N, C-alpha and C. Protein backbone atom coordinates (compact mmCIF):
# COMPACT_ATOMS: atom_id res chain seq x y z
N MET A 1 -59.06 109.33 39.09
CA MET A 1 -60.22 108.97 38.32
C MET A 1 -61.49 109.59 38.92
N ILE A 2 -61.61 109.49 40.25
CA ILE A 2 -62.79 110.08 40.90
C ILE A 2 -62.76 111.59 40.79
N GLN A 3 -61.56 112.17 40.92
CA GLN A 3 -61.44 113.62 40.82
C GLN A 3 -61.88 114.09 39.44
N SER A 4 -61.45 113.40 38.38
CA SER A 4 -61.84 113.83 37.03
C SER A 4 -63.34 113.62 36.82
N LEU A 5 -63.92 112.57 37.40
CA LEU A 5 -65.36 112.36 37.33
C LEU A 5 -66.11 113.51 38.00
N MET A 6 -65.65 113.92 39.18
CA MET A 6 -66.29 115.03 39.90
C MET A 6 -66.16 116.33 39.11
N GLU A 7 -64.99 116.55 38.51
CA GLU A 7 -64.79 117.77 37.71
C GLU A 7 -65.71 117.78 36.49
N ASP A 8 -65.84 116.64 35.82
CA ASP A 8 -66.68 116.56 34.62
C ASP A 8 -68.17 116.63 34.97
N ARG A 9 -68.60 115.84 35.91
CA ARG A 9 -70.03 115.70 36.20
C ARG A 9 -70.58 116.88 36.99
N PHE A 10 -69.82 117.42 37.93
CA PHE A 10 -70.30 118.50 38.81
C PHE A 10 -69.63 119.85 38.54
N GLN A 11 -68.77 119.92 37.54
CA GLN A 11 -67.99 121.13 37.26
C GLN A 11 -67.29 121.61 38.54
N LEU A 12 -66.76 120.66 39.27
CA LEU A 12 -66.10 120.95 40.54
C LEU A 12 -64.80 121.69 40.31
N LYS A 13 -64.65 122.79 41.01
CA LYS A 13 -63.40 123.55 41.01
C LYS A 13 -62.95 123.62 42.47
N ALA A 14 -61.74 123.15 42.74
CA ALA A 14 -61.24 123.12 44.12
C ALA A 14 -59.73 123.30 44.10
N HIS A 15 -59.19 123.67 45.26
CA HIS A 15 -57.74 123.78 45.41
C HIS A 15 -57.37 123.44 46.85
N ARG A 16 -56.10 123.14 47.07
CA ARG A 16 -55.60 122.84 48.40
C ARG A 16 -54.87 124.06 48.94
N GLU A 17 -54.98 124.24 50.27
CA GLU A 17 -54.21 125.30 50.93
C GLU A 17 -53.96 124.90 52.38
N ILE A 18 -53.02 125.57 52.98
CA ILE A 18 -52.67 125.34 54.39
C ILE A 18 -53.39 126.40 55.22
N ARG A 19 -54.11 125.93 56.26
CA ARG A 19 -54.80 126.85 57.17
C ARG A 19 -54.45 126.51 58.61
N ASP A 20 -54.41 127.53 59.46
CA ASP A 20 -54.24 127.30 60.90
C ASP A 20 -55.59 126.91 61.48
N LEU A 21 -55.68 125.67 61.97
CA LEU A 21 -56.92 125.14 62.51
C LEU A 21 -56.66 124.52 63.89
N PRO A 22 -57.72 124.26 64.66
CA PRO A 22 -57.53 123.63 65.97
C PRO A 22 -56.92 122.23 65.83
N VAL A 23 -55.90 121.96 66.62
CA VAL A 23 -55.23 120.66 66.67
C VAL A 23 -54.90 120.37 68.13
N PHE A 24 -54.42 119.16 68.37
CA PHE A 24 -53.84 118.81 69.66
C PHE A 24 -52.37 118.50 69.45
N ASP A 25 -51.52 119.03 70.32
CA ASP A 25 -50.13 118.62 70.36
C ASP A 25 -50.02 117.49 71.36
N LEU A 26 -49.43 116.37 70.95
CA LEU A 26 -49.18 115.25 71.86
C LEU A 26 -47.81 115.48 72.46
N VAL A 27 -47.76 115.65 73.79
CA VAL A 27 -46.51 115.94 74.50
C VAL A 27 -46.34 114.94 75.63
N VAL A 28 -45.11 114.82 76.12
CA VAL A 28 -44.83 113.97 77.27
C VAL A 28 -45.37 114.66 78.51
N GLY A 29 -46.05 113.92 79.38
CA GLY A 29 -46.63 114.47 80.61
C GLY A 29 -45.57 114.83 81.63
N ARG A 30 -46.02 115.47 82.69
CA ARG A 30 -45.10 115.96 83.74
C ARG A 30 -44.28 114.84 84.37
N GLY A 31 -44.89 113.68 84.56
CA GLY A 31 -44.20 112.55 85.20
C GLY A 31 -43.38 111.71 84.24
N GLY A 32 -43.36 112.07 82.97
CA GLY A 32 -42.62 111.30 81.97
C GLY A 32 -43.50 110.26 81.31
N SER A 33 -43.02 109.73 80.22
CA SER A 33 -43.76 108.73 79.45
C SER A 33 -43.83 107.42 80.21
N LYS A 34 -44.98 106.76 80.14
CA LYS A 34 -45.16 105.43 80.72
C LYS A 34 -45.23 104.37 79.63
N LEU A 35 -44.94 104.76 78.39
CA LEU A 35 -44.96 103.81 77.28
C LEU A 35 -43.86 102.78 77.46
N LYS A 36 -44.16 101.53 77.14
CA LYS A 36 -43.21 100.44 77.27
C LYS A 36 -42.68 100.08 75.89
N LEU A 37 -41.35 100.20 75.73
CA LEU A 37 -40.74 99.81 74.46
C LEU A 37 -40.94 98.32 74.24
N SER A 38 -41.26 97.93 73.02
CA SER A 38 -41.39 96.52 72.67
C SER A 38 -40.02 95.87 72.75
N ALA A 39 -39.98 94.60 73.16
CA ALA A 39 -38.71 93.89 73.28
C ALA A 39 -38.00 93.78 71.94
N ASP A 40 -38.75 93.60 70.87
CA ASP A 40 -38.19 93.49 69.52
C ASP A 40 -38.38 94.81 68.80
N GLN A 41 -37.29 95.53 68.56
CA GLN A 41 -37.35 96.84 67.91
C GLN A 41 -37.02 96.78 66.42
N THR A 42 -36.89 95.57 65.86
CA THR A 42 -36.62 95.49 64.43
C THR A 42 -37.84 95.99 63.66
N PRO A 43 -37.61 96.66 62.53
CA PRO A 43 -38.75 97.19 61.76
C PRO A 43 -39.71 96.09 61.35
N ILE A 44 -40.98 96.42 61.35
CA ILE A 44 -42.01 95.48 60.93
C ILE A 44 -42.12 95.54 59.43
N VAL A 45 -41.98 94.40 58.78
CA VAL A 45 -42.06 94.32 57.32
C VAL A 45 -43.37 93.63 56.98
N ARG A 46 -44.18 94.32 56.20
CA ARG A 46 -45.45 93.75 55.76
C ARG A 46 -45.21 93.02 54.45
N ASN A 47 -45.33 91.71 54.48
CA ASN A 47 -45.19 90.90 53.27
C ASN A 47 -46.56 90.55 52.74
N GLU A 48 -46.57 90.10 51.50
CA GLU A 48 -47.82 89.60 50.94
C GLU A 48 -48.25 88.39 51.76
N PRO A 49 -49.54 88.24 52.02
CA PRO A 49 -49.98 87.09 52.81
C PRO A 49 -49.72 85.79 52.07
N GLU A 50 -49.36 84.77 52.86
CA GLU A 50 -49.14 83.45 52.27
C GLU A 50 -50.48 82.79 52.02
N LEU A 51 -50.61 82.17 50.86
CA LEU A 51 -51.85 81.50 50.54
C LEU A 51 -51.94 80.14 51.23
N VAL A 52 -50.81 79.46 51.32
CA VAL A 52 -50.78 78.16 51.98
C VAL A 52 -49.66 78.19 53.00
N SER A 53 -49.94 77.71 54.20
CA SER A 53 -48.92 77.68 55.23
C SER A 53 -48.90 76.31 55.88
N CYS A 54 -47.72 75.73 55.98
CA CYS A 54 -47.56 74.44 56.63
C CYS A 54 -47.23 74.61 58.10
N GLU A 55 -47.00 75.85 58.52
CA GLU A 55 -46.65 76.13 59.91
C GLU A 55 -47.90 76.03 60.79
N PRO A 56 -47.76 75.44 61.99
CA PRO A 56 -48.90 75.45 62.90
C PRO A 56 -49.13 76.88 63.40
N PRO A 57 -50.38 77.24 63.68
CA PRO A 57 -50.64 78.59 64.17
C PRO A 57 -50.01 78.80 65.54
N PRO A 58 -49.61 80.04 65.86
CA PRO A 58 -49.05 80.30 67.18
C PRO A 58 -50.12 80.11 68.25
N PRO A 59 -49.70 79.83 69.48
CA PRO A 59 -50.70 79.61 70.54
C PRO A 59 -51.51 80.87 70.79
N ARG A 60 -52.76 80.67 71.18
CA ARG A 60 -53.65 81.79 71.47
C ARG A 60 -53.46 82.24 72.92
N SER A 61 -53.68 83.53 73.12
CA SER A 61 -53.60 84.06 74.48
C SER A 61 -54.93 83.84 75.17
N SER A 62 -54.98 84.15 76.45
CA SER A 62 -56.22 83.98 77.20
C SER A 62 -57.31 84.95 76.74
N THR A 63 -56.92 86.02 76.02
CA THR A 63 -57.92 86.99 75.55
C THR A 63 -58.43 86.68 74.16
N GLY A 64 -57.97 85.60 73.55
CA GLY A 64 -58.47 85.26 72.22
C GLY A 64 -57.36 85.15 71.22
N ALA A 65 -57.52 85.80 70.09
CA ALA A 65 -56.57 85.68 68.98
C ALA A 65 -55.21 86.24 69.34
N VAL A 66 -54.21 85.67 68.69
CA VAL A 66 -52.84 86.12 68.89
C VAL A 66 -52.69 87.52 68.31
N LEU A 67 -51.99 88.37 69.00
CA LEU A 67 -51.74 89.73 68.52
C LEU A 67 -50.32 89.75 67.95
N PRO A 68 -50.19 89.77 66.62
CA PRO A 68 -48.85 89.75 66.02
C PRO A 68 -48.13 91.08 66.20
N ARG A 69 -46.82 91.06 65.94
CA ARG A 69 -46.05 92.31 65.97
C ARG A 69 -46.68 93.29 64.99
N GLY A 70 -46.91 94.50 65.43
CA GLY A 70 -47.55 95.51 64.60
C GLY A 70 -49.06 95.42 64.63
N GLY A 71 -49.59 94.46 65.38
CA GLY A 71 -51.03 94.27 65.44
C GLY A 71 -51.69 95.15 66.49
N VAL A 72 -52.97 95.42 66.27
CA VAL A 72 -53.77 96.25 67.17
C VAL A 72 -55.09 95.54 67.41
N ARG A 73 -55.54 95.55 68.66
CA ARG A 73 -56.85 95.01 69.00
C ARG A 73 -57.63 96.13 69.69
N LEU A 74 -58.85 96.36 69.23
CA LEU A 74 -59.72 97.37 69.84
C LEU A 74 -61.01 96.66 70.22
N ILE A 75 -61.28 96.60 71.52
CA ILE A 75 -62.47 95.93 72.03
C ILE A 75 -63.39 96.99 72.61
N ALA A 76 -64.65 96.98 72.19
CA ALA A 76 -65.65 97.93 72.69
C ALA A 76 -66.67 97.16 73.52
N MET A 77 -66.85 97.58 74.76
CA MET A 77 -67.84 96.97 75.65
C MET A 77 -68.92 98.01 75.93
N PRO A 78 -70.16 97.76 75.50
CA PRO A 78 -71.22 98.74 75.72
C PRO A 78 -71.65 98.78 77.18
N GLY A 79 -71.98 99.97 77.64
CA GLY A 79 -72.52 100.19 78.97
C GLY A 79 -73.81 100.96 78.85
N PRO A 80 -74.42 101.34 79.98
CA PRO A 80 -75.70 102.05 79.91
C PRO A 80 -75.62 103.41 79.23
N SER A 81 -74.53 104.12 79.39
CA SER A 81 -74.44 105.46 78.80
C SER A 81 -73.12 105.70 78.08
N SER A 82 -72.30 104.66 77.95
CA SER A 82 -71.01 104.84 77.29
C SER A 82 -70.49 103.50 76.79
N PHE A 83 -69.44 103.56 76.00
CA PHE A 83 -68.71 102.39 75.56
C PHE A 83 -67.35 102.44 76.24
N THR A 84 -66.88 101.33 76.75
CA THR A 84 -65.52 101.24 77.25
C THR A 84 -64.70 100.60 76.14
N LEU A 85 -63.69 101.32 75.70
CA LEU A 85 -62.81 100.84 74.64
C LEU A 85 -61.48 100.44 75.24
N THR A 86 -60.99 99.28 74.85
CA THR A 86 -59.66 98.83 75.26
C THR A 86 -58.84 98.64 74.00
N LEU A 87 -57.77 99.41 73.89
CA LEU A 87 -56.86 99.35 72.76
C LEU A 87 -55.60 98.63 73.22
N THR A 88 -55.24 97.56 72.54
CA THR A 88 -54.01 96.83 72.84
C THR A 88 -53.21 96.77 71.56
N ALA A 89 -51.92 97.09 71.65
CA ALA A 89 -51.07 97.08 70.47
C ALA A 89 -49.74 96.42 70.81
N ASN A 90 -49.19 95.73 69.83
CA ASN A 90 -47.91 95.06 69.98
C ASN A 90 -46.94 95.63 68.96
N ALA A 91 -45.85 96.23 69.44
CA ALA A 91 -44.81 96.80 68.58
C ALA A 91 -45.39 97.84 67.63
N MET A 92 -46.06 98.83 68.21
CA MET A 92 -46.72 99.87 67.43
C MET A 92 -45.90 101.17 67.47
N PRO A 93 -45.66 101.78 66.30
CA PRO A 93 -45.01 103.10 66.32
C PRO A 93 -46.00 104.15 66.83
N LEU A 94 -45.48 105.19 67.43
CA LEU A 94 -46.33 106.24 67.98
C LEU A 94 -47.19 106.88 66.90
N SER A 95 -46.70 106.94 65.67
CA SER A 95 -47.48 107.53 64.57
C SER A 95 -48.77 106.75 64.33
N SER A 96 -48.75 105.44 64.48
CA SER A 96 -49.95 104.63 64.30
C SER A 96 -50.94 104.85 65.44
N LEU A 97 -50.43 104.99 66.67
CA LEU A 97 -51.30 105.29 67.81
C LEU A 97 -51.99 106.63 67.59
N ILE A 98 -51.24 107.62 67.13
CA ILE A 98 -51.80 108.94 66.88
C ILE A 98 -52.90 108.86 65.83
N ALA A 99 -52.68 108.10 64.76
CA ALA A 99 -53.69 107.96 63.71
C ALA A 99 -54.98 107.37 64.28
N LEU A 100 -54.88 106.40 65.19
CA LEU A 100 -56.07 105.82 65.81
C LEU A 100 -56.76 106.81 66.75
N LEU A 101 -55.98 107.54 67.53
CA LEU A 101 -56.55 108.43 68.54
C LEU A 101 -57.23 109.66 67.95
N GLN A 102 -56.83 110.07 66.75
CA GLN A 102 -57.44 111.26 66.14
C GLN A 102 -58.95 111.13 66.00
N ALA A 103 -59.43 109.94 65.73
CA ALA A 103 -60.87 109.73 65.59
C ALA A 103 -61.60 110.00 66.90
N TYR A 104 -60.96 109.70 68.02
CA TYR A 104 -61.60 109.87 69.32
C TYR A 104 -61.35 111.26 69.90
N ALA A 105 -60.28 111.92 69.47
CA ALA A 105 -59.96 113.26 69.98
C ALA A 105 -60.76 114.34 69.26
N GLY A 106 -61.20 114.07 68.04
CA GLY A 106 -62.04 115.02 67.33
C GLY A 106 -61.30 116.07 66.53
N ARG A 107 -59.98 115.99 66.48
CA ARG A 107 -59.19 116.92 65.67
C ARG A 107 -57.82 116.31 65.43
N PRO A 108 -57.06 116.83 64.48
CA PRO A 108 -55.73 116.27 64.21
C PRO A 108 -54.81 116.35 65.43
N ILE A 109 -53.92 115.37 65.53
CA ILE A 109 -52.94 115.31 66.61
C ILE A 109 -51.56 115.40 66.00
N ILE A 110 -50.73 116.30 66.54
CA ILE A 110 -49.36 116.48 66.06
C ILE A 110 -48.41 115.97 67.14
N ASP A 111 -47.52 115.06 66.75
CA ASP A 111 -46.57 114.45 67.68
C ASP A 111 -45.47 115.43 68.05
N LYS A 112 -45.41 115.82 69.32
CA LYS A 112 -44.35 116.69 69.82
C LYS A 112 -43.57 115.99 70.94
N THR A 113 -43.64 114.64 70.99
CA THR A 113 -43.03 113.88 72.09
C THR A 113 -41.56 113.59 71.86
N ASP A 114 -41.13 113.46 70.63
CA ASP A 114 -39.78 113.05 70.26
C ASP A 114 -39.46 111.64 70.75
N LEU A 115 -40.50 110.81 70.94
CA LEU A 115 -40.30 109.41 71.35
C LEU A 115 -40.12 108.57 70.10
N LYS A 116 -39.13 107.71 70.11
CA LYS A 116 -38.82 106.86 68.96
C LYS A 116 -38.93 105.40 69.37
N GLY A 117 -39.28 104.56 68.42
CA GLY A 117 -39.30 103.13 68.65
C GLY A 117 -40.68 102.54 68.47
N LEU A 118 -40.78 101.25 68.79
CA LEU A 118 -42.02 100.50 68.73
C LEU A 118 -42.46 100.22 70.16
N PHE A 119 -43.75 100.39 70.44
CA PHE A 119 -44.24 100.31 71.80
C PHE A 119 -45.32 99.25 71.94
N ASP A 120 -45.35 98.59 73.11
CA ASP A 120 -46.45 97.72 73.50
C ASP A 120 -47.38 98.59 74.33
N ILE A 121 -48.62 98.73 73.87
CA ILE A 121 -49.53 99.73 74.45
C ILE A 121 -50.83 99.07 74.87
N THR A 122 -51.31 99.47 76.04
CA THR A 122 -52.67 99.15 76.48
C THR A 122 -53.28 100.44 76.96
N LEU A 123 -54.43 100.78 76.42
CA LEU A 123 -55.11 102.03 76.76
C LEU A 123 -56.60 101.74 76.86
N GLN A 124 -57.19 102.11 77.99
CA GLN A 124 -58.62 101.88 78.20
C GLN A 124 -59.30 103.21 78.52
N PHE A 125 -60.39 103.50 77.77
CA PHE A 125 -61.11 104.75 77.97
C PHE A 125 -62.56 104.57 77.60
N SER A 126 -63.37 105.54 77.97
CA SER A 126 -64.81 105.48 77.69
C SER A 126 -65.21 106.56 76.71
N LEU A 127 -66.21 106.23 75.92
CA LEU A 127 -66.84 107.20 75.02
C LEU A 127 -68.30 107.26 75.38
N GLU A 128 -68.79 108.46 75.58
CA GLU A 128 -70.21 108.62 75.87
C GLU A 128 -71.02 108.31 74.63
N THR A 129 -72.13 107.60 74.82
CA THR A 129 -73.03 107.38 73.70
C THR A 129 -73.92 108.61 73.59
N THR A 130 -74.29 108.94 72.39
CA THR A 130 -75.11 110.12 72.17
C THR A 130 -76.57 109.74 72.38
N ARG A 131 -77.16 110.35 73.39
CA ARG A 131 -78.59 110.17 73.63
C ARG A 131 -79.26 111.50 73.34
N THR A 132 -80.46 111.43 72.81
CA THR A 132 -81.20 112.66 72.55
C THR A 132 -82.60 112.53 73.12
N GLU A 133 -83.18 113.67 73.33
CA GLU A 133 -84.56 113.75 73.83
C GLU A 133 -85.23 114.90 73.09
N ALA A 134 -86.50 114.78 72.79
CA ALA A 134 -87.21 115.84 72.08
C ALA A 134 -87.48 117.01 73.02
N ASP A 135 -87.15 118.23 72.57
CA ASP A 135 -87.44 119.44 73.33
C ASP A 135 -88.95 119.61 73.42
N SER A 136 -89.47 119.91 74.61
CA SER A 136 -90.92 119.99 74.81
C SER A 136 -91.56 121.15 74.05
N THR A 137 -90.81 122.22 73.77
CA THR A 137 -91.41 123.36 73.08
C THR A 137 -91.21 123.31 71.57
N THR A 138 -90.01 122.90 71.12
CA THR A 138 -89.73 122.91 69.69
C THR A 138 -89.87 121.55 69.04
N GLY A 139 -89.76 120.48 69.81
CA GLY A 139 -89.82 119.15 69.27
C GLY A 139 -88.52 118.67 68.65
N GLN A 140 -87.49 119.53 68.66
CA GLN A 140 -86.20 119.15 68.07
C GLN A 140 -85.41 118.31 69.07
N ALA A 141 -84.57 117.45 68.53
CA ALA A 141 -83.74 116.59 69.37
C ALA A 141 -82.64 117.41 70.03
N ILE A 142 -82.46 117.21 71.34
CA ILE A 142 -81.38 117.87 72.08
C ILE A 142 -80.53 116.78 72.74
N PRO A 143 -79.20 116.95 72.73
CA PRO A 143 -78.34 115.92 73.33
C PRO A 143 -78.46 115.91 74.85
N ILE A 144 -78.37 114.71 75.42
CA ILE A 144 -78.41 114.54 76.88
C ILE A 144 -77.07 113.95 77.29
N PRO A 145 -76.32 114.60 78.18
CA PRO A 145 -75.02 114.05 78.59
C PRO A 145 -75.19 112.77 79.41
N ALA A 146 -74.17 111.91 79.33
CA ALA A 146 -74.19 110.68 80.11
C ALA A 146 -74.09 111.03 81.59
N LEU A 147 -74.85 110.31 82.41
CA LEU A 147 -74.86 110.59 83.84
C LEU A 147 -73.69 109.95 84.56
N ASP A 148 -73.30 108.77 84.13
CA ASP A 148 -72.27 108.04 84.85
C ASP A 148 -71.36 107.31 83.86
N PRO A 149 -70.40 108.02 83.25
CA PRO A 149 -69.51 107.31 82.35
C PRO A 149 -68.75 106.23 83.11
N SER A 150 -68.52 105.10 82.46
CA SER A 150 -67.94 103.95 83.15
C SER A 150 -66.42 103.97 83.22
N GLY A 151 -65.76 104.98 82.71
CA GLY A 151 -64.31 105.03 82.76
C GLY A 151 -63.80 106.40 82.37
N PRO A 152 -62.47 106.54 82.31
CA PRO A 152 -61.88 107.84 81.97
C PRO A 152 -62.09 108.20 80.51
N SER A 153 -62.08 109.49 80.22
CA SER A 153 -62.14 109.95 78.83
C SER A 153 -60.82 109.60 78.15
N VAL A 154 -60.79 109.73 76.83
CA VAL A 154 -59.56 109.46 76.09
C VAL A 154 -58.44 110.39 76.56
N PHE A 155 -58.77 111.63 76.91
CA PHE A 155 -57.76 112.60 77.34
C PHE A 155 -57.15 112.19 78.69
N THR A 156 -58.01 111.79 79.62
CA THR A 156 -57.54 111.36 80.94
C THR A 156 -56.75 110.06 80.82
N ALA A 157 -57.23 109.12 80.01
CA ALA A 157 -56.55 107.84 79.85
C ALA A 157 -55.15 108.03 79.27
N ILE A 158 -55.02 108.88 78.27
CA ILE A 158 -53.70 109.13 77.67
C ILE A 158 -52.74 109.66 78.73
N GLN A 159 -53.23 110.56 79.57
CA GLN A 159 -52.38 111.17 80.58
C GLN A 159 -52.04 110.18 81.70
N GLU A 160 -53.04 109.49 82.24
CA GLU A 160 -52.82 108.62 83.39
C GLU A 160 -52.17 107.29 83.02
N GLN A 161 -52.55 106.72 81.88
CA GLN A 161 -52.11 105.36 81.55
C GLN A 161 -50.82 105.29 80.74
N ILE A 162 -50.56 106.28 79.89
CA ILE A 162 -49.33 106.21 79.09
C ILE A 162 -48.43 107.43 79.28
N GLY A 163 -48.80 108.34 80.18
CA GLY A 163 -47.91 109.44 80.53
C GLY A 163 -47.73 110.51 79.47
N LEU A 164 -48.70 110.65 78.59
CA LEU A 164 -48.66 111.69 77.56
C LEU A 164 -49.84 112.62 77.76
N ARG A 165 -49.81 113.78 77.11
CA ARG A 165 -50.91 114.76 77.22
C ARG A 165 -51.27 115.29 75.85
N LEU A 166 -52.56 115.59 75.69
CA LEU A 166 -53.04 116.28 74.49
C LEU A 166 -53.30 117.72 74.86
N GLU A 167 -52.51 118.63 74.28
CA GLU A 167 -52.66 120.05 74.56
C GLU A 167 -53.35 120.74 73.38
N PRO A 168 -54.48 121.42 73.62
CA PRO A 168 -55.16 122.10 72.51
C PRO A 168 -54.36 123.31 72.04
N THR A 169 -54.28 123.47 70.73
CA THR A 169 -53.57 124.59 70.13
C THR A 169 -54.07 124.73 68.69
N THR A 170 -53.42 125.56 67.90
CA THR A 170 -53.71 125.63 66.47
C THR A 170 -52.45 125.25 65.72
N GLY A 171 -52.64 124.74 64.52
CA GLY A 171 -51.50 124.33 63.71
C GLY A 171 -51.85 124.31 62.25
N PRO A 172 -50.84 124.25 61.38
CA PRO A 172 -51.07 124.24 59.93
C PRO A 172 -51.63 122.90 59.48
N ILE A 173 -52.78 122.95 58.81
CA ILE A 173 -53.45 121.75 58.30
C ILE A 173 -53.73 121.94 56.81
N ASP A 174 -53.43 120.92 56.03
CA ASP A 174 -53.72 120.93 54.60
C ASP A 174 -55.21 120.68 54.42
N VAL A 175 -55.91 121.62 53.76
CA VAL A 175 -57.36 121.49 53.56
C VAL A 175 -57.69 121.59 52.08
N LEU A 176 -58.81 120.99 51.71
CA LEU A 176 -59.34 121.08 50.36
C LEU A 176 -60.43 122.13 50.36
N VAL A 177 -60.27 123.17 49.56
CA VAL A 177 -61.24 124.27 49.48
C VAL A 177 -62.02 124.12 48.18
N VAL A 178 -63.36 124.01 48.29
CA VAL A 178 -64.21 123.91 47.11
C VAL A 178 -64.54 125.33 46.65
N ASP A 179 -64.12 125.66 45.44
CA ASP A 179 -64.36 126.99 44.89
C ASP A 179 -65.75 127.09 44.26
N SER A 180 -66.16 126.03 43.55
CA SER A 180 -67.50 126.02 42.97
C SER A 180 -67.88 124.59 42.64
N VAL A 181 -69.22 124.38 42.60
CA VAL A 181 -69.77 123.09 42.25
C VAL A 181 -71.17 123.33 41.69
N GLN A 182 -71.58 122.53 40.73
CA GLN A 182 -72.87 122.69 40.07
C GLN A 182 -73.70 121.41 40.23
N LYS A 183 -74.99 121.50 39.91
CA LYS A 183 -75.82 120.31 39.88
C LYS A 183 -75.23 119.36 38.83
N PRO A 184 -75.39 118.05 39.06
CA PRO A 184 -74.77 117.11 38.12
C PRO A 184 -75.40 117.20 36.74
N SER A 185 -74.56 116.92 35.75
CA SER A 185 -75.05 116.89 34.37
C SER A 185 -75.84 115.61 34.15
N GLU A 186 -76.64 115.60 33.08
CA GLU A 186 -77.43 114.41 32.75
C GLU A 186 -76.50 113.29 32.31
N ASN A 187 -76.96 112.06 32.46
CA ASN A 187 -76.15 110.90 32.01
C ASN A 187 -76.09 110.85 30.50
């Protein structure tokens, strides 16, 4: 529906193609994987939520809400120049971890680990906050790097904490190529 609206209103012409673009290959590190298989490896089935439940809620952990099988908790703690992120997952497939990490890695991640199963994962890393300062000659904003990040980068954390590595390379990525677009038509 949105595509037809864009085609009608903006005379959008586009096509999809495969291009070799920068990616990361996720591989097992030199010392082997440190991922812990979840005790329950049965597939997680997502059912429709129950509207009424007579069951008492499960007990809460010391960190707050219960983390169900297949659940993920991401806690961000702000610091002076960075955020410390703690990702905790219960019975998570590696494909879901990869989908989460792509946002922090800055490019697509391709799984080359050949690891199968559901994993209990804890990963803690820091993200620098973007600070800017006006250039004295041009007045334009220039980025200032963090002086003291409070923890490891996502790349270091993946390697040290779960025994995997992100290797930069190029790979085939499906992209949308805009051939032409016009100013919108009147209503």
